[in-house]
Amino acid sequence: MITTPLRIILVEDEETDAVLIKRQIAKIVKTPEIKVVQDLPGFENLFTNFLPDVVISDYNLPSGTGLDIMELVKSIDEAIPLIFVTGALDDDELAADTILSGASGFILKKHMNNLDEKLEPLLKQVVYNMVQHEELRERIRKNKIAVHQIYSYLDNMKADDKEQRENIRKIRNNLDKFNVEDAE
């Protein structure tokens, strides 16, 4: 049993599958904090505010694919692992593409009865990586989330005059410099 608390976002549009996956996770993680979301827009809002340790996602979603979820995760924080638990990856080529694109693993839903056995080594790797770099990872993650929230705010601002638009451009440029320095 994994005793380190894990913050997990589960992206699953089928309620019964979400319940089953949560039960399987509870078998292997002593204190999981699991937030369930059904689509890409809901995921984006939750992701930027919840700061997960790992994302577990279905591949086929009502508003996109698991690759869209992965792209969003990687654009905000490349260090957060994403694991697919899906029925859509029966195609070996598609499964390989998800791993090559950066997924930490995938499990077919047809293995739902023993999902805990298949998920446990992947989650143990997540915990190992967390422990190795916990303090630094947390600071970087919070900074990236804050920068993403600022970008969202700036994108939603109505810049009515030239001076405001120029100030917003300068802020974005400074944030981009900060992100590059932070990554080094």
C-alpha atoms as a PDB file:
ATOM      1  CA  MET A   1       0.000   0.000   0.000  1.00  0.00           C
ATOM      2  CA  ILE A   2       1.228   3.490  -0.909  1.00  0.00           C
ATOM      3  CA  THR A   3       1.206   5.594   2.274  1.00  0.00           C
ATOM      4  CA  THR A   4       2.223   8.910   0.693  1.00  0.00           C
ATOM      5  CA  PRO A   5      -0.905  11.017   0.094  1.00  0.00           C
ATOM      6  CA  LEU A   6      -1.561  11.499  -3.624  1.00  0.00           C
ATOM      7  CA  ARG A   7      -3.534  14.285  -5.272  1.00  0.00           C
ATOM      8  CA  ILE A   8      -5.154  12.796  -8.374  1.00  0.00           C
ATOM      9  CA  ILE A   9      -7.309  14.248 -11.119  1.00  0.00           C
ATOM     10  CA  LEU A  10      -9.372  11.563 -12.809  1.00  0.00           C
ATOM     11  CA  VAL A  11     -10.698  12.599 -16.233  1.00  0.00           C
ATOM     12  CA  GLU A  12     -13.543  10.189 -16.961  1.00  0.00           C
ATOM     13  CA  ASP A  13     -16.887  10.884 -18.623  1.00  0.00           C
ATOM     14  CA  GLU A  14     -18.505   7.552 -17.630  1.00  0.00           C
ATOM     15  CA  GLU A  15     -19.689   7.775 -14.029  1.00  0.00           C
ATOM     16  CA  THR A  16     -19.582   4.013 -13.419  1.00  0.00           C
ATOM     17  CA  ASP A  17     -15.993   3.804 -14.699  1.00  0.00           C
ATOM     18  CA  ALA A  18     -15.009   6.735 -12.458  1.00  0.00           C
ATOM     19  CA  VAL A  19     -16.456   4.949  -9.412  1.00  0.00           C
ATOM     20  CA  LEU A  20     -14.656   1.701 -10.307  1.00  0.00           C
ATOM     21  CA  ILE A  21     -11.332   3.459 -10.882  1.00  0.00           C
ATOM     22  CA  LYS A  22     -11.625   5.342  -7.591  1.00  0.00           C
ATOM     23  CA  ARG A  23     -12.266   2.034  -5.771  1.00  0.00           C
ATOM     24  CA  GLN A  24      -9.202   0.473  -7.389  1.00  0.00           C
ATOM     25  CA  ILE A  25      -7.032   3.453  -6.441  1.00  0.00           C
ATOM     26  CA  ALA A  26      -8.272   3.219  -2.838  1.00  0.00           C
ATOM     27  CA  LYS A  27      -6.934  -0.361  -2.738  1.00  0.00           C
ATOM     28  CA  ILE A  28      -3.376   0.823  -3.359  1.00  0.00           C
ATOM     29  CA  VAL A  29      -3.190   4.403  -2.011  1.00  0.00           C
ATOM     30  CA  LYS A  30      -3.923   4.903   1.678  1.00  0.00           C
ATOM     31  CA  THR A  31      -5.002   8.554   1.434  1.00  0.00           C
ATOM     32  CA  PRO A  32      -5.791   9.564  -2.135  1.00  0.00           C
ATOM     33  CA  GLU A  33      -7.431  12.902  -2.818  1.00  0.00           C
ATOM     34  CA  ILE A  34      -9.266  12.306  -6.083  1.00  0.00           C
ATOM     35  CA  LYS A  35     -11.098  14.969  -8.069  1.00  0.00           C
ATOM     36  CA  VAL A  36     -13.187  13.732 -10.988  1.00  0.00           C
ATOM     37  CA  VAL A  37     -13.873  15.814 -14.076  1.00  0.00           C
ATOM     38  CA  GLN A  38     -15.653  14.787 -17.268  1.00  0.00           C
ATOM     39  CA  ASP A  39     -14.246  16.976 -20.033  1.00  0.00           C
ATOM     40  CA  LEU A  40     -11.411  19.207 -21.209  1.00  0.00           C
ATOM     41  CA  PRO A  41     -12.889  22.590 -20.129  1.00  0.00           C
ATOM     42  CA  GLY A  42     -13.628  21.260 -16.637  1.00  0.00           C
ATOM     43  CA  PHE A  43     -10.160  19.735 -16.468  1.00  0.00           C
ATOM     44  CA  GLU A  44      -8.383  22.985 -17.326  1.00  0.00           C
ATOM     45  CA  ASN A  45     -10.126  24.884 -14.530  1.00  0.00           C
ATOM     46  CA  LEU A  46      -9.554  22.126 -11.963  1.00  0.00           C
ATOM     47  CA  PHE A  47      -5.941  21.496 -12.999  1.00  0.00           C
ATOM     48  CA  THR A  48      -4.823  25.088 -12.479  1.00  0.00           C
ATOM     49  CA  ASN A  49      -6.386  25.224  -9.005  1.00  0.00           C
ATOM     50  CA  PHE A  50      -5.944  21.704  -7.584  1.00  0.00           C
ATOM     51  CA  LEU A  51      -2.218  21.082  -8.284  1.00  0.00           C
ATOM     52  CA  PRO A  52      -2.372  17.286  -8.813  1.00  0.00           C
ATOM     53  CA  ASP A  53       0.505  14.849  -8.360  1.00  0.00           C
ATOM     54  CA  VAL A  54      -0.788  12.690 -11.210  1.00  0.00           C
ATOM     55  CA  VAL A  55      -3.519  12.795 -13.853  1.00  0.00           C
ATOM     56  CA  ILE A  56      -5.394   9.647 -14.827  1.00  0.00           C
ATOM     57  CA  SER A  57      -7.450  10.065 -17.970  1.00  0.00           C
ATOM     58  CA  ASP A  58      -9.709   8.238 -20.357  1.00  0.00           C
ATOM     59  CA  TYR A  59      -8.682   8.655 -23.985  1.00  0.00           C
ATOM     60  CA  ASN A  60     -12.063   9.390 -25.631  1.00  0.00           C
ATOM     61  CA  LEU A  61     -13.797  12.363 -24.047  1.00  0.00           C
ATOM     62  CA  PRO A  62     -16.852  14.390 -25.062  1.00  0.00           C
ATOM     63  CA  SER A  63     -14.802  17.499 -25.843  1.00  0.00           C
ATOM     64  CA  GLY A  64     -11.558  16.005 -27.174  1.00  0.00           C
ATOM     65  CA  THR A  65      -9.070  13.237 -26.544  1.00  0.00           C
ATOM     66  CA  GLY A  66      -6.630  12.236 -23.857  1.00  0.00           C
ATOM     67  CA  LEU A  67      -3.888  13.745 -26.006  1.00  0.00           C
ATOM     68  CA  ASP A  68      -5.598  17.126 -25.574  1.00  0.00           C
ATOM     69  CA  ILE A  69      -5.489  16.575 -21.805  1.00  0.00           C
ATOM     70  CA  MET A  70      -1.824  15.594 -22.007  1.00  0.00           C
ATOM     71  CA  GLU A  71      -0.973  18.627 -24.139  1.00  0.00           C
ATOM     72  CA  LEU A  72      -2.564  20.927 -21.565  1.00  0.00           C
ATOM     73  CA  VAL A  73      -0.774  19.189 -18.674  1.00  0.00           C
ATOM     74  CA  LYS A  74       2.606  19.410 -20.406  1.00  0.00           C
ATOM     75  CA  SER A  75       2.064  23.080 -21.338  1.00  0.00           C
ATOM     76  CA  ILE A  76       1.623  23.955 -17.661  1.00  0.00           C
ATOM     77  CA  ASP A  77       3.913  21.451 -15.930  1.00  0.00           C
ATOM     78  CA  GLU A  78       5.881  18.817 -17.841  1.00  0.00           C
ATOM     79  CA  ALA A  79       6.750  16.990 -14.620  1.00  0.00           C
ATOM     80  CA  ILE A  80       3.188  15.874 -13.845  1.00  0.00           C
ATOM     81  CA  PRO A  81       2.674  12.292 -15.012  1.00  0.00           C
ATOM     82  CA  LEU A  82      -0.385  11.285 -17.008  1.00  0.00           C
ATOM     83  CA  ILE A  83      -1.673   7.725 -17.084  1.00  0.00           C
ATOM     84  CA  PHE A  84      -4.348   6.581 -19.511  1.00  0.00           C
ATOM     85  CA  VAL A  85      -6.997   4.129 -18.294  1.00  0.00           C
ATOM     86  CA  THR A  86      -9.073   3.584 -21.380  1.00  0.00           C
ATOM     87  CA  GLY A  87     -10.919   1.223 -23.643  1.00  0.00           C
ATOM     88  CA  ALA A  88      -9.853   3.137 -26.764  1.00  0.00           C
ATOM     89  CA  LEU A  89      -6.239   2.028 -26.926  1.00  0.00           C
ATOM     90  CA  ASP A  90      -6.722  -1.453 -28.385  1.00  0.00           C
ATOM     91  CA  ASP A  91      -4.739  -0.184 -31.351  1.00  0.00           C
ATOM     92  CA  ASP A  92      -1.034  -0.862 -30.618  1.00  0.00           C
ATOM     93  CA  GLU A  93       0.067   2.067 -32.767  1.00  0.00           C
ATOM     94  CA  LEU A  94      -2.191   4.489 -30.898  1.00  0.00           C
ATOM     95  CA  ALA A  95      -0.931   3.145 -27.554  1.00  0.00           C
ATOM     96  CA  ALA A  96       2.676   3.637 -28.666  1.00  0.00           C
ATOM     97  CA  ASP A  97       1.883   7.182 -29.835  1.00  0.00           C
ATOM     98  CA  THR A  98       0.551   8.097 -26.382  1.00  0.00           C
ATOM     99  CA  ILE A  99       3.732   6.874 -24.705  1.00  0.00           C
ATOM    100  CA  LEU A 100       5.921   8.643 -27.271  1.00  0.00           C
ATOM    101  CA  SER A 101       3.891  11.803 -26.687  1.00  0.00           C
ATOM    102  CA  GLY A 102       4.750  11.725 -22.997  1.00  0.00           C
ATOM    103  CA  ALA A 103       2.219   9.523 -21.198  1.00  0.00           C
ATOM    104  CA  SER A 104       3.600   7.695 -18.168  1.00  0.00           C
ATOM    105  CA  GLY A 105       1.557   4.617 -18.960  1.00  0.00           C
ATOM    106  CA  PHE A 106      -1.720   3.203 -20.142  1.00  0.00           C
ATOM    107  CA  ILE A 107      -4.046   0.498 -18.929  1.00  0.00           C
ATOM    108  CA  LEU A 108      -6.982  -0.967 -20.820  1.00  0.00           C
ATOM    109  CA  LYS A 109     -10.381  -0.825 -19.160  1.00  0.00           C
ATOM    110  CA  LYS A 110     -10.858  -4.484 -19.952  1.00  0.00           C
ATOM    111  CA  HIS A 111      -8.397  -5.018 -17.065  1.00  0.00           C
ATOM    112  CA  MET A 112     -10.622  -3.065 -14.643  1.00  0.00           C
ATOM    113  CA  ASN A 113     -10.939  -6.064 -12.274  1.00  0.00           C
ATOM    114  CA  ASN A 114      -7.204  -6.019 -11.613  1.00  0.00           C
ATOM    115  CA  LEU A 115      -6.575  -2.339 -12.288  1.00  0.00           C
ATOM    116  CA  ASP A 116      -4.934  -1.989  -8.879  1.00  0.00           C
ATOM    117  CA  GLU A 117      -2.200  -4.478  -9.877  1.00  0.00           C
ATOM    118  CA  LYS A 118      -1.502  -2.647 -13.122  1.00  0.00           C
ATOM    119  CA  LEU A 119      -1.751   0.857 -11.638  1.00  0.00           C
ATOM    120  CA  GLU A 120       0.314   0.252  -8.494  1.00  0.00           C
ATOM    121  CA  PRO A 121       3.793   0.208 -10.127  1.00  0.00           C
ATOM    122  CA  LEU A 122       2.961   3.374 -12.081  1.00  0.00           C
ATOM    123  CA  LEU A 123       1.798   5.179  -8.940  1.00  0.00           C
ATOM    124  CA  LYS A 124       4.822   3.932  -6.975  1.00  0.00           C
ATOM    125  CA  GLN A 125       7.024   5.549  -9.638  1.00  0.00           C
ATOM    126  CA  VAL A 126       5.059   8.793  -9.228  1.00  0.00           C
ATOM    127  CA  VAL A 127       5.663   8.687  -5.452  1.00  0.00           C
ATOM    128  CA  TYR A 128       9.362   7.891  -5.897  1.00  0.00           C
ATOM    129  CA  ASN A 129       9.801  10.887  -8.206  1.00  0.00           C
ATOM    130  CA  MET A 130       7.827  13.107  -5.821  1.00  0.00           C
ATOM    131  CA  VAL A 131       9.985  12.214  -2.841  1.00  0.00           C
ATOM    132  CA  GLN A 132      13.234  12.750  -4.757  1.00  0.00           C
ATOM    133  CA  HIS A 133      12.404  16.324  -5.781  1.00  0.00           C
ATOM    134  CA  GLU A 134       9.488  17.312  -3.552  1.00  0.00           C
ATOM    135  CA  GLU A 135      10.454  20.800  -2.361  1.00  0.00           C
ATOM    136  CA  LEU A 136      11.801  22.039  -5.684  1.00  0.00           C
ATOM    137  CA  ARG A 137       8.952  20.440  -7.641  1.00  0.00           C
ATOM    138  CA  GLU A 138       6.341  22.088  -5.424  1.00  0.00           C
ATOM    139  CA  ARG A 139       7.873  25.565  -5.786  1.00  0.00           C
ATOM    140  CA  ILE A 140       8.199  25.238  -9.568  1.00  0.00           C
ATOM    141  CA  ARG A 141       4.679  23.842  -9.906  1.00  0.00           C
ATOM    142  CA  LYS A 142       3.122  26.656  -7.882  1.00  0.00           C
ATOM    143  CA  ASN A 143       5.041  29.244  -9.910  1.00  0.00           C
ATOM    144  CA  LYS A 144       3.919  27.703 -13.204  1.00  0.00           C
ATOM    145  CA  ILE A 145       0.314  27.567 -12.038  1.00  0.00           C
ATOM    146  CA  ALA A 146       0.475  31.218 -10.934  1.00  0.00           C
ATOM    147  CA  VAL A 147       1.960  32.272 -14.276  1.00  0.00           C
ATOM    148  CA  HIS A 148      -0.729  30.314 -16.148  1.00  0.00           C
ATOM    149  CA  GLN A 149      -3.443  32.018 -14.077  1.00  0.00           C
ATOM    150  CA  ILE A 150      -1.912  35.422 -14.823  1.00  0.00           C
ATOM    151  CA  TYR A 151      -1.842  34.582 -18.542  1.00  0.00           C
ATOM    152  CA  SER A 152      -5.509  33.606 -18.394  1.00  0.00           C
ATOM    153  CA  TYR A 153      -6.344  36.844 -16.613  1.00  0.00           C
ATOM    154  CA  LEU A 154      -4.390  38.903 -19.125  1.00  0.00           C
ATOM    155  CA  ASP A 155      -6.046  37.111 -22.040  1.00  0.00           C
ATOM    156  CA  ASN A 156      -9.487  37.918 -20.602  1.00  0.00           C
ATOM    157  CA  MET A 157      -8.725  41.599 -19.935  1.00  0.00           C
ATOM    158  CA  LYS A 158     -10.253  44.090 -22.281  1.00  0.00           C
ATOM    159  CA  ALA A 159      -7.418  46.324 -23.402  1.00  0.00           C
ATOM    160  CA  ASP A 160      -9.217  49.444 -24.543  1.00  0.00           C
ATOM    161  CA  ASP A 161      -6.307  51.685 -25.289  1.00  0.00           C
ATOM    162  CA  LYS A 162      -2.859  51.396 -26.781  1.00  0.00           C
ATOM    163  CA  GLU A 163      -1.057  52.015 -23.472  1.00  0.00           C
ATOM    164  CA  GLN A 164      -2.927  49.186 -21.729  1.00  0.00           C
ATOM    165  CA  ARG A 165      -2.207  46.773 -24.578  1.00  0.00           C
ATOM    166  CA  GLU A 166       1.490  47.726 -24.437  1.00  0.00           C
ATOM    167  CA  ASN A 167       1.593  47.194 -20.654  1.00  0.00           C
ATOM    168  CA  ILE A 168      -0.025  43.751 -21.035  1.00  0.00           C
ATOM    169  CA  ARG A 169       2.551  42.858 -23.698  1.00  0.00           C
ATOM    170  CA  LYS A 170       5.397  43.908 -21.354  1.00  0.00           C
ATOM    171  CA  ILE A 171       3.958  41.825 -18.493  1.00  0.00           C
ATOM    172  CA  ARG A 172       3.702  38.761 -20.745  1.00  0.00           C
ATOM    173  CA  ASN A 173       7.293  39.238 -21.945  1.00  0.00           C
ATOM    174  CA  ASN A 174       8.564  39.510 -18.368  1.00  0.00           C
ATOM    175  CA  LEU A 175       6.634  36.394 -17.378  1.00  0.00           C
ATOM    176  CA  ASP A 176       8.130  34.514 -20.337  1.00  0.00           C
ATOM    177  CA  LYS A 177      11.629  35.512 -19.162  1.00  0.00           C
ATOM    178  CA  PHE A 178      10.752  34.341 -15.644  1.00  0.00           C
ATOM    179  CA  ASN A 179       9.588  30.968 -16.951  1.00  0.00           C
ATOM    180  CA  VAL A 180      12.802  30.426 -18.929  1.00  0.00           C
ATOM    181  CA  GLU A 181      14.981  31.313 -15.898  1.00  0.00           C
ATOM    182  CA  ASP A 182      12.842  29.129 -13.612  1.00  0.00           C
ATOM    183  CA  ALA A 183      13.202  26.128 -15.912  1.00  0.00           C
ATOM    184  CA  GLU A 184      16.994  26.392 -15.852  1.00  0.00           C
END
